[in-house]
C-alpha cells in the first residue's frame, strides 16, 4: 500500500511539472520602412517574421512607414524596439554592416 501511495505521489508530481504553463508572451514593436506601406513586399516579409516569432513566444507588432526618416526617428524616440530601413539611414545605429 505504501508503494502504491508513493508511486501515485511521484506520478502526480511528474504530471504537474509536465502541465503547460500559461506564460505571458513578450511584445515587441518593429518600425518597418516600405515605400509601398502595408501592401509592400518588405512589409509582407516582416509580417511573416512576426508570425514565426509568435511560435517562439514573442508577439511582434509591425508598424508600417512610407517615410524612412520618420521610422528612424520613432526608433530613436523609443517608440519601437527595432527598425527596418536602408543602410544609409541606419548608419548612426550600426556603424559597420556588410554582405558577402
PDB file of N, CA and C in Angstrom:
ATOM      1  N   UNK A   1       0.813  -1.190   0.000  1.00  0.00           N
ATOM      2  CA  UNK A   1       0.000   0.000   0.000  1.00  0.00           C
ATOM      3  C   UNK A   1       0.859   1.258   0.000  1.00  0.00           C
ATOM      4  N   UNK A   2       1.936   1.245   0.790  1.00  0.00           N
ATOM      5  CA  UNK A   2       2.815   2.404   0.845  1.00  0.00           C
ATOM      6  C   UNK A   2       3.497   2.635  -0.499  1.00  0.00           C
ATOM      7  N   UNK A   3       3.836   1.557  -1.198  1.00  0.00           N
ATOM      8  CA  UNK A   3       4.489   1.691  -2.510  1.00  0.00           C
ATOM      9  C   UNK A   3       3.528   2.318  -3.510  1.00  0.00           C
ATOM     10  N   UNK A   4       2.256   1.922  -3.463  1.00  0.00           N
ATOM     11  CA  UNK A   4       1.263   2.483  -4.370  1.00  0.00           C
ATOM     12  C   UNK A   4       1.054   3.971  -4.094  1.00  0.00           C
ATOM     13  N   UNK A   5       1.021   4.357  -2.831  1.00  0.00           N
ATOM     14  CA  UNK A   5       0.839   5.766  -2.474  1.00  0.00           C
ATOM     15  C   UNK A   5       2.056   6.587  -2.902  1.00  0.00           C
ATOM     16  N   UNK A   6       3.245   6.033  -2.717  1.00  0.00           N
ATOM     17  CA  UNK A   6       4.457   6.736  -3.131  1.00  0.00           C
ATOM     18  C   UNK A   6       4.499   6.890  -4.647  1.00  0.00           C
ATOM     19  N   UNK A   7       4.107   5.829  -5.349  1.00  0.00           N
ATOM     20  CA  UNK A   7       4.074   5.888  -6.811  1.00  0.00           C
ATOM     21  C   UNK A   7       3.055   6.923  -7.286  1.00  0.00           C
ATOM     22  N   UNK A   8       1.892   6.961  -6.654  1.00  0.00           N
ATOM     23  CA  UNK A   8       0.857   7.932  -7.024  1.00  0.00           C
ATOM     24  C   UNK A   8       1.334   9.362  -6.764  1.00  0.00           C
ATOM     25  N   UNK A   9       2.031   9.562  -5.652  1.00  0.00           N
ATOM     26  CA  UNK A   9       2.563  10.896  -5.343  1.00  0.00           C
ATOM     27  C   UNK A   9       3.608  11.315  -6.363  1.00  0.00           C
ATOM     28  N   UNK A  10       4.506  10.398  -6.726  1.00  0.00           N
ATOM     29  CA  UNK A  10       5.519  10.706  -7.737  1.00  0.00           C
ATOM     30  C   UNK A  10       4.885  10.983  -9.090  1.00  0.00           C
ATOM     31  N   UNK A  11       3.874  10.202  -9.449  1.00  0.00           N
ATOM     32  CA  UNK A  11       3.199  10.390 -10.724  1.00  0.00           C
ATOM     33  C   UNK A  11       2.495  11.735 -10.780  1.00  0.00           C
ATOM     34  N   UNK A  12       1.801  12.107  -9.711  1.00  0.00           N
ATOM     35  CA  UNK A  12       1.101  13.398  -9.703  1.00  0.00           C
ATOM     36  C   UNK A  12       2.090  14.557  -9.740  1.00  0.00           C
ATOM     37  N   UNK A  13       3.245  14.397  -9.075  1.00  0.00           N
ATOM     38  CA  UNK A  13       4.261  15.436  -9.105  1.00  0.00           C
ATOM     39  C   UNK A  13       4.854  15.568 -10.503  1.00  0.00           C
ATOM     40  N   UNK A  14       5.111  14.451 -11.160  1.00  0.00           N
ATOM     41  CA  UNK A  14       5.661  14.482 -12.520  1.00  0.00           C
ATOM     42  C   UNK A  14       4.677  15.114 -13.486  1.00  0.00           C
ATOM     43  N   UNK A  15       3.401  14.801 -13.328  1.00  0.00           N
ATOM     44  CA  UNK A  15       2.393  15.387 -14.213  1.00  0.00           C
ATOM     45  C   UNK A  15       2.240  16.886 -13.987  1.00  0.00           C
ATOM     46  N   UNK A  16       2.442  17.334 -12.758  1.00  0.00           N
ATOM     47  CA  UNK A  16       2.341  18.774 -12.504  1.00  0.00           C
ATOM     48  C   UNK A  16       3.480  19.527 -13.176  1.00  0.00           C
ATOM     49  N   UNK A  17       4.663  18.906 -13.283  1.00  0.00           N
ATOM     50  CA  UNK A  17       5.765  19.538 -13.991  1.00  0.00           C
ATOM     51  C   UNK A  17       5.532  19.538 -15.497  1.00  0.00           C
ATOM     52  N   UNK A  18       4.852  18.537 -16.001  1.00  0.00           N
ATOM     53  CA  UNK A  18       4.616  18.422 -17.430  1.00  0.00           C
ATOM     54  C   UNK A  18       3.440  19.271 -17.895  1.00  0.00           C
ATOM     55  N   UNK A  19       2.623  19.755 -16.985  1.00  0.00           N
ATOM     56  CA  UNK A  19       1.456  20.554 -17.372  1.00  0.00           C
ATOM     57  C   UNK A  19       1.919  21.855 -18.024  1.00  0.00           C
ATOM     58  N   UNK A  20       1.216  22.293 -19.062  1.00  0.00           N
ATOM     59  CA  UNK A  20       1.612  23.529 -19.732  1.00  0.00           C
ATOM     60  C   UNK A  20       1.458  24.726 -18.803  1.00  0.00           C
ATOM     61  N   UNK A  21       2.429  25.574 -18.844  1.00  0.00           N
ATOM     62  CA  UNK A  21       2.420  26.772 -18.026  1.00  0.00           C
ATOM     63  C   UNK A  21       1.881  27.916 -18.868  1.00  0.00           C
ATOM     64  N   UNK A  22       0.934  28.643 -18.337  1.00  0.00           N
ATOM     65  CA  UNK A  22       0.361  29.776 -19.052  1.00  0.00           C
ATOM     66  C   UNK A  22       1.324  30.944 -18.915  1.00  0.00           C
ATOM     67  N   UNK A  23       2.165  31.146 -19.923  1.00  0.00           N
ATOM     68  CA  UNK A  23       3.168  32.199 -19.875  1.00  0.00           C
ATOM     69  C   UNK A  23       2.686  33.404 -20.672  1.00  0.00           C
ATOM     70  N   UNK A  24       3.051  34.557 -20.200  1.00  0.00           N
ATOM     71  CA  UNK A  24       2.706  35.782 -20.908  1.00  0.00           C
ATOM     72  C   UNK A  24       3.766  36.041 -21.958  1.00  0.00           C
ATOM     73  N   UNK A  25       3.350  36.189 -23.186  1.00  0.00           N
ATOM     74  CA  UNK A  25       4.288  36.397 -24.286  1.00  0.00           C
ATOM     75  C   UNK A  25       4.853  37.813 -24.238  1.00  0.00           C
ATOM     76  N   UNK A  26       6.110  37.925 -24.615  1.00  0.00           N
ATOM     77  CA  UNK A  26       6.720  39.242 -24.735  1.00  0.00           C
ATOM     78  C   UNK A  26       6.121  39.938 -25.956  1.00  0.00           C
ATOM     79  N   UNK A  27       6.053  41.244 -25.905  1.00  0.00           N
ATOM     80  CA  UNK A  27       5.565  42.015 -27.049  1.00  0.00           C
ATOM     81  C   UNK A  27       6.649  42.985 -27.470  1.00  0.00           C
ATOM     82  N   UNK A  28       6.971  42.961 -28.734  1.00  0.00           N
ATOM     83  CA  UNK A  28       7.964  43.859 -29.320  1.00  0.00           C
ATOM     84  C   UNK A  28       7.342  44.577 -30.504  1.00  0.00           C
ATOM     85  N   UNK A  29       7.822  45.772 -30.771  1.00  0.00           N
ATOM     86  CA  UNK A  29       7.328  46.570 -31.884  1.00  0.00           C
ATOM     87  C   UNK A  29       8.486  46.863 -32.830  1.00  0.00           C
ATOM     88  N   UNK A  30       8.241  46.689 -34.123  1.00  0.00           N
ATOM     89  CA  UNK A  30       9.258  46.980 -35.125  1.00  0.00           C
ATOM     90  C   UNK A  30       8.698  47.989 -36.120  1.00  0.00           C
ATOM     91  N   UNK A  31       9.419  49.091 -36.299  1.00  0.00           N
ATOM     92  CA  UNK A  31       9.072  50.084 -37.309  1.00  0.00           C
ATOM     93  C   UNK A  31       9.652  49.597 -38.634  1.00  0.00           C
ATOM     94  N   UNK A  32       8.810  49.421 -39.626  1.00  0.00           N
ATOM     95  CA  UNK A  32       9.251  48.872 -40.907  1.00  0.00           C
ATOM     96  C   UNK A  32       9.031  49.893 -42.014  1.00  0.00           C
ATOM     97  N   UNK A  33      10.129  50.289 -42.658  1.00  0.00           N
ATOM     98  CA  UNK A  33      10.034  51.184 -43.801  1.00  0.00           C
ATOM     99  C   UNK A  33       9.814  50.366 -45.065  1.00  0.00           C
ATOM    100  N   UNK A  34       8.751  50.687 -45.771  1.00  0.00           N
ATOM    101  CA  UNK A  34       8.460  50.105 -47.074  1.00  0.00           C
ATOM    102  C   UNK A  34       7.800  51.206 -47.893  1.00  0.00           C
ATOM    103  N   UNK A  35       8.364  51.557 -49.038  1.00  0.00           N
ATOM    104  CA  UNK A  35       7.780  52.636 -49.837  1.00  0.00           C
ATOM    105  C   UNK A  35       6.310  52.404 -50.197  1.00  0.00           C
ATOM    106  N   UNK A  36       5.905  51.142 -50.271  1.00  0.00           N
ATOM    107  CA  UNK A  36       4.518  50.826 -50.619  1.00  0.00           C
ATOM    108  C   UNK A  36       3.626  50.671 -49.384  1.00  0.00           C
ATOM    109  N   UNK A  37       4.168  50.864 -48.201  1.00  0.00           N
ATOM    110  CA  UNK A  37       3.376  50.751 -46.979  1.00  0.00           C
ATOM    111  C   UNK A  37       2.969  49.314 -46.690  1.00  0.00           C
ATOM    112  N   UNK A  38       1.743  49.120 -46.214  1.00  0.00           N
ATOM    113  CA  UNK A  38       1.252  47.784 -45.847  1.00  0.00           C
ATOM    114  C   UNK A  38       1.178  46.823 -47.026  1.00  0.00           C
ATOM    115  N   UNK A  39       1.047  47.332 -48.218  1.00  0.00           N
ATOM    116  CA  UNK A  39       0.910  46.452 -49.387  1.00  0.00           C
ATOM    117  C   UNK A  39       2.256  46.093 -50.014  1.00  0.00           C
ATOM    118  N   UNK A  40       3.338  46.556 -49.432  1.00  0.00           N
ATOM    119  CA  UNK A  40       4.664  46.301 -49.994  1.00  0.00           C
ATOM    120  C   UNK A  40       5.213  44.925 -49.691  1.00  0.00           C
ATOM    121  N   UNK A  41       6.194  44.521 -50.490  1.00  0.00           N
ATOM    122  CA  UNK A  41       6.813  43.206 -50.331  1.00  0.00           C
ATOM    123  C   UNK A  41       7.582  43.085 -49.018  1.00  0.00           C
ATOM    124  N   UNK A  42       8.301  44.132 -48.653  1.00  0.00           N
ATOM    125  CA  UNK A  42       9.107  44.045 -47.440  1.00  0.00           C
ATOM    126  C   UNK A  42       8.225  43.987 -46.196  1.00  0.00           C
ATOM    127  N   UNK A  43       7.125  44.743 -46.200  1.00  0.00           N
ATOM    128  CA  UNK A  43       6.198  44.671 -45.068  1.00  0.00           C
ATOM    129  C   UNK A  43       5.606  43.272 -44.972  1.00  0.00           C
ATOM    130  N   UNK A  44       5.308  42.672 -46.120  1.00  0.00           N
ATOM    131  CA  UNK A  44       4.783  41.304 -46.136  1.00  0.00           C
ATOM    132  C   UNK A  44       5.797  40.322 -45.555  1.00  0.00           C
ATOM    133  N   UNK A  45       7.061  40.495 -45.908  1.00  0.00           N
ATOM    134  CA  UNK A  45       8.115  39.637 -45.373  1.00  0.00           C
ATOM    135  C   UNK A  45       8.230  39.776 -43.861  1.00  0.00           C
ATOM    136  N   UNK A  46       8.165  40.995 -43.367  1.00  0.00           N
ATOM    137  CA  UNK A  46       8.257  41.219 -41.922  1.00  0.00           C
ATOM    138  C   UNK A  46       7.013  40.703 -41.200  1.00  0.00           C
ATOM    139  N   UNK A  47       5.868  40.698 -41.858  1.00  0.00           N
ATOM    140  CA  UNK A  47       4.657  40.124 -41.264  1.00  0.00           C
ATOM    141  C   UNK A  47       4.822  38.616 -41.086  1.00  0.00           C
ATOM    142  N   UNK A  48       5.467  37.974 -42.047  1.00  0.00           N
ATOM    143  CA  UNK A  48       5.741  36.538 -41.919  1.00  0.00           C
ATOM    144  C   UNK A  48       6.712  36.284 -40.773  1.00  0.00           C
ATOM    145  N   UNK A  49       7.680  37.179 -40.609  1.00  0.00           N
ATOM    146  CA  UNK A  49       8.600  37.074 -39.474  1.00  0.00           C
ATOM    147  C   UNK A  49       7.833  37.179 -38.158  1.00  0.00           C
ATOM    148  N   UNK A  50       6.882  38.103 -38.081  1.00  0.00           N
ATOM    149  CA  UNK A  50       6.091  38.284 -36.860  1.00  0.00           C
ATOM    150  C   UNK A  50       5.282  37.029 -36.549  1.00  0.00           C
ATOM    151  N   UNK A  51       4.766  36.389 -37.578  1.00  0.00           N
ATOM    152  CA  UNK A  51       4.022  35.141 -37.386  1.00  0.00           C
ATOM    153  C   UNK A  51       4.935  34.048 -36.834  1.00  0.00           C
ATOM    154  N   UNK A  52       6.139  33.942 -37.383  1.00  0.00           N
ATOM    155  CA  UNK A  52       7.100  32.950 -36.900  1.00  0.00           C
ATOM    156  C   UNK A  52       7.538  33.259 -35.480  1.00  0.00           C
ATOM    157  N   UNK A  53       7.730  34.525 -35.159  1.00  0.00           N
ATOM    158  CA  UNK A  53       8.168  34.910 -33.813  1.00  0.00           C
ATOM    159  C   UNK A  53       7.137  34.540 -32.762  1.00  0.00           C
ATOM    160  N   UNK A  54       5.872  34.504 -33.137  1.00  0.00           N
ATOM    161  CA  UNK A  54       4.841  34.132 -32.164  1.00  0.00           C
ATOM    162  C   UNK A  54       5.009  32.682 -31.713  1.00  0.00           C
ATOM    163  N   UNK A  55       5.597  31.829 -32.557  1.00  0.00           N
ATOM    164  CA  UNK A  55       5.861  30.448 -32.143  1.00  0.00           C
ATOM    165  C   UNK A  55       7.012  30.380 -31.145  1.00  0.00           C
ATOM    166  N   UNK A  56       7.807  31.428 -31.066  1.00  0.00           N
ATOM    167  CA  UNK A  56       8.919  31.495 -30.114  1.00  0.00           C
ATOM    168  C   UNK A  56       8.485  32.147 -28.806  1.00  0.00           C
ATOM    169  N   UNK A  57       7.231  32.568 -28.716  1.00  0.00           N
ATOM    170  CA  UNK A  57       6.728  33.209 -27.504  1.00  0.00           C
ATOM    171  C   UNK A  57       6.900  34.713 -27.497  1.00  0.00           C
ATOM    172  N   UNK A  58       7.118  35.314 -28.660  1.00  0.00           N
ATOM    173  CA  UNK A  58       7.278  36.758 -28.760  1.00  0.00           C
ATOM    174  C   UNK A  58       6.234  37.291 -29.727  1.00  0.00           C
ATOM    175  N   UNK A  59       5.400  38.193 -29.245  1.00  0.00           N
ATOM    176  CA  UNK A  59       4.422  38.835 -30.126  1.00  0.00           C
ATOM    177  C   UNK A  59       5.087  40.074 -30.719  1.00  0.00           C
ATOM    178  N   UNK A  60       5.093  40.156 -32.040  1.00  0.00           N
ATOM    179  CA  UNK A  60       5.737  41.267 -32.730  1.00  0.00           C
ATOM    180  C   UNK A  60       4.669  42.085 -33.440  1.00  0.00           C
ATOM    181  N   UNK A  61       4.639  43.371 -33.114  1.00  0.00           N
ATOM    182  CA  UNK A  61       3.747  44.306 -33.797  1.00  0.00           C
ATOM    183  C   UNK A  61       4.577  45.016 -34.862  1.00  0.00           C
ATOM    184  N   UNK A  62       4.099  44.985 -36.090  1.00  0.00           N
ATOM    185  CA  UNK A  62       4.800  45.621 -37.204  1.00  0.00           C
ATOM    186  C   UNK A  62       4.089  46.928 -37.533  1.00  0.00           C
ATOM    187  N   UNK A  63       4.827  48.031 -37.493  1.00  0.00           N
ATOM    188  CA  UNK A  63       4.269  49.340 -37.840  1.00  0.00           C
ATOM    189  C   UNK A  63       4.824  49.764 -39.200  1.00  0.00           C
ATOM    190  N   UNK A  64       3.949  49.966 -40.173  1.00  0.00           N
ATOM    191  CA  UNK A  64       4.434  50.356 -41.500  1.00  0.00           C
ATOM    192  C   UNK A  64       4.732  51.856 -41.580  1.00  0.00           C
ATOM    193  N   UNK A  65       5.786  52.180 -42.303  1.00  0.00           N
ATOM    194  CA  UNK A  65       6.166  53.568 -42.543  1.00  0.00           C
ATOM    195  C   UNK A  65       6.494  53.728 -44.024  1.00  0.00           C
ATOM    196  N   UNK A  66       5.957  54.774 -44.633  1.00  0.00           N
ATOM    197  CA  UNK A  66       6.326  55.081 -46.015  1.00  0.00           C
ATOM    198  C   UNK A  66       7.406  56.159 -46.056  1.00  0.00           C
ATOM    199  N   UNK A  67       7.700  56.735 -44.899  1.00  0.00           N
ATOM    200  CA  UNK A  67       8.781  57.718 -44.794  1.00  0.00           C
ATOM    201  C   UNK A  67       9.875  57.128 -43.913  1.00  0.00           C
ATOM    202  N   UNK A  68      11.016  56.919 -44.511  1.00  0.00           N
ATOM    203  CA  UNK A  68      12.123  56.267 -43.810  1.00  0.00           C
ATOM    204  C   UNK A  68      12.640  57.093 -42.639  1.00  0.00           C
ATOM    205  N   UNK A  69      12.687  58.389 -42.802  1.00  0.00           N
ATOM    206  CA  UNK A  69      13.184  59.259 -41.739  1.00  0.00           C
ATOM    207  C   UNK A  69      12.279  59.185 -40.502  1.00  0.00           C
ATOM    208  N   UNK A  70      10.986  59.135 -40.709  1.00  0.00           N
ATOM    209  CA  UNK A  70      10.046  59.035 -39.594  1.00  0.00           C
ATOM    210  C   UNK A  70      10.227  57.714 -38.851  1.00  0.00           C
ATOM    211  N   UNK A  71      10.442  56.630 -39.587  1.00  0.00           N
ATOM    212  CA  UNK A  71      10.671  55.327 -38.946  1.00  0.00           C
ATOM    213  C   UNK A  71      11.921  55.372 -38.077  1.00  0.00           C
ATOM    214  N   UNK A  72      13.004  55.962 -38.590  1.00  0.00           N
ATOM    215  CA  UNK A  72      14.248  56.050 -37.826  1.00  0.00           C
ATOM    216  C   UNK A  72      14.080  56.951 -36.596  1.00  0.00           C
ATOM    217  N   UNK A  73      13.352  58.053 -36.754  1.00  0.00           N
ATOM    218  CA  UNK A  73      13.145  58.959 -35.620  1.00  0.00           C
ATOM    219  C   UNK A  73      12.264  58.328 -34.547  1.00  0.00           C
ATOM    220  N   UNK A  74      11.258  57.560 -34.963  1.00  0.00           N
ATOM    221  CA  UNK A  74      10.430  56.872 -33.972  1.00  0.00           C
ATOM    222  C   UNK A  74      11.239  55.830 -33.204  1.00  0.00           C
ATOM    223  N   UNK A  75      12.176  55.188 -33.888  1.00  0.00           N
ATOM    224  CA  UNK A  75      13.059  54.234 -33.199  1.00  0.00           C
ATOM    225  C   UNK A  75      13.934  54.968 -32.191  1.00  0.00           C
ATOM    226  N   UNK A  76      14.489  56.095 -32.603  1.00  0.00           N
ATOM    227  CA  UNK A  76      15.330  56.890 -31.689  1.00  0.00           C
ATOM    228  C   UNK A  76      14.542  57.368 -30.475  1.00  0.00           C
ATOM    229  N   UNK A  77      13.263  57.668 -30.670  1.00  0.00           N
ATOM    230  CA  UNK A  77      12.413  58.154 -29.586  1.00  0.00           C
ATOM    231  C   UNK A  77      11.828  57.012 -28.764  1.00  0.00           C
ATOM    232  N   UNK A  78      12.305  55.788 -28.996  1.00  0.00           N
ATOM    233  CA  UNK A  78      11.875  54.587 -28.267  1.00  0.00           C
ATOM    234  C   UNK A  78      10.398  54.267 -28.481  1.00  0.00           C
ATOM    235  N   UNK A  79       9.873  54.619 -29.640  1.00  0.00           N
ATOM    236  CA  UNK A  79       8.516  54.242 -29.999  1.00  0.00           C
ATOM    237  C   UNK A  79       8.464  52.812 -30.532  1.00  0.00           C
ATOM    238  N   UNK A  80       9.635  52.296 -30.945  1.00  0.00           N
ATOM    239  CA  UNK A  80       9.746  50.942 -31.476  1.00  0.00           C
ATOM    240  C   UNK A  80      10.947  50.269 -30.823  1.00  0.00           C
ATOM    241  N   UNK A  81      10.885  48.941 -30.736  1.00  0.00           N
ATOM    242  CA  UNK A  81      12.007  48.179 -30.199  1.00  0.00           C
ATOM    243  C   UNK A  81      13.042  47.877 -31.276  1.00  0.00           C
ATOM    244  N   UNK A  82      12.655  47.983 -32.530  1.00  0.00           N
ATOM    245  CA  UNK A  82      13.551  47.732 -33.652  1.00  0.00           C
ATOM    246  C   UNK A  82      13.091  48.523 -34.851  1.00  0.00           C
ATOM    247  N   UNK A  83      13.989  48.671 -35.807  1.00  0.00           N
ATOM    248  CA  UNK A  83      13.644  49.401 -37.026  1.00  0.00           C
ATOM    249  C   UNK A  83      14.242  48.672 -38.216  1.00  0.00           C
ATOM    250  N   UNK A  84      13.514  48.705 -39.312  1.00  0.00           N
ATOM    251  CA  UNK A  84      13.986  48.116 -40.553  1.00  0.00           C
ATOM    252  C   UNK A  84      13.918  49.200 -41.618  1.00  0.00           C
ATOM    253  N   UNK A  85      15.082  49.592 -42.115  1.00  0.00           N
ATOM    254  CA  UNK A  85      15.179  50.642 -43.128  1.00  0.00           C
ATOM    255  C   UNK A  85      16.468  50.409 -43.913  1.00  0.00           C
ATOM    256  N   UNK A  86      16.811  51.335 -44.802  1.00  0.00           N
ATOM    257  CA  UNK A  86      18.024  51.164 -45.602  1.00  0.00           C
ATOM    258  C   UNK A  86      19.269  51.407 -44.759  1.00  0.00           C
ATOM    259  N   UNK A  87      20.388  50.909 -45.238  1.00  0.00           N
ATOM    260  CA  UNK A  87      21.646  51.036 -44.516  1.00  0.00           C
ATOM    261  C   UNK A  87      22.106  52.469 -44.338  1.00  0.00           C
ATOM    262  N   UNK A  88      21.830  53.320 -45.314  1.00  0.00           N
ATOM    263  CA  UNK A  88      22.273  54.713 -45.234  1.00  0.00           C
ATOM    264  C   UNK A  88      21.588  55.408 -44.063  1.00  0.00           C
ATOM    265  N   UNK A  89      20.314  55.198 -43.909  1.00  0.00           N
ATOM    266  CA  UNK A  89      19.559  55.849 -42.843  1.00  0.00           C
ATOM    267  C   UNK A  89      19.937  55.302 -41.465  1.00  0.00           C
ATOM    268  N   UNK A  90      20.381  54.071 -41.411  1.00  0.00           N
ATOM    269  CA  UNK A  90      20.650  53.427 -40.124  1.00  0.00           C
ATOM    270  C   UNK A  90      22.116  53.433 -39.722  1.00  0.00           C
ATOM    271  N   UNK A  91      22.958  54.125 -40.445  1.00  0.00           N
ATOM    272  CA  UNK A  91      24.385  54.143 -40.111  1.00  0.00           C
ATOM    273  C   UNK A  91      24.649  54.680 -38.714  1.00  0.00           C
ATOM    274  N   UNK A  92      23.834  55.576 -38.251  1.00  0.00           N
ATOM    275  CA  UNK A  92      24.060  56.129 -36.903  1.00  0.00           C
ATOM    276  C   UNK A  92      23.802  55.103 -35.804  1.00  0.00           C
ATOM    277  N   UNK A  93      23.044  54.033 -36.112  1.00  0.00           N
ATOM    278  CA  UNK A  93      22.780  52.980 -35.136  1.00  0.00           C
ATOM    279  C   UNK A  93      23.744  51.814 -35.270  1.00  0.00           C
ATOM    280  N   UNK A  94      24.208  51.548 -36.475  1.00  0.00           N
ATOM    281  CA  UNK A  94      25.082  50.420 -36.758  1.00  0.00           C
ATOM    282  C   UNK A  94      26.200  50.930 -37.660  1.00  0.00           C
ATOM    283  N   UNK A  95      27.345  51.211 -37.104  1.00  0.00           N
ATOM    284  CA  UNK A  95      28.417  51.858 -37.862  1.00  0.00           C
ATOM    285  C   UNK A  95      29.026  50.961 -38.926  1.00  0.00           C
ATOM    286  N   UNK A  96      28.936  49.666 -38.767  1.00  0.00           N
ATOM    287  CA  UNK A  96      29.512  48.761 -39.757  1.00  0.00           C
ATOM    288  C   UNK A  96      28.508  47.691 -40.128  1.00  0.00           C
ATOM    289  N   UNK A  97      28.242  47.569 -41.396  1.00  0.00           N
ATOM    290  CA  UNK A  97      27.435  46.470 -41.890  1.00  0.00           C
ATOM    291  C   UNK A  97      28.009  46.048 -43.239  1.00  0.00           C
ATOM    292  N   UNK A  98      27.860  44.776 -43.544  1.00  0.00           N
ATOM    293  CA  UNK A  98      28.417  44.294 -44.803  1.00  0.00           C
ATOM    294  C   UNK A  98      27.652  43.074 -45.277  1.00  0.00           C
ATOM    295  N   UNK A  99      27.879  42.694 -46.501  1.00  0.00           N
ATOM    296  CA  UNK A  99      27.292  41.479 -47.047  1.00  0.00           C
ATOM    297  C   UNK A  99      28.388  40.686 -47.715  1.00  0.00           C
ATOM    298  N   UNK A 100      28.141  39.414 -47.888  1.00  0.00           N
ATOM    299  CA  UNK A 100      29.106  38.555 -48.559  1.00  0.00           C
ATOM    300  C   UNK A 100      28.486  38.053 -49.845  1.00  0.00           C
TER     301      UNK A 100
END
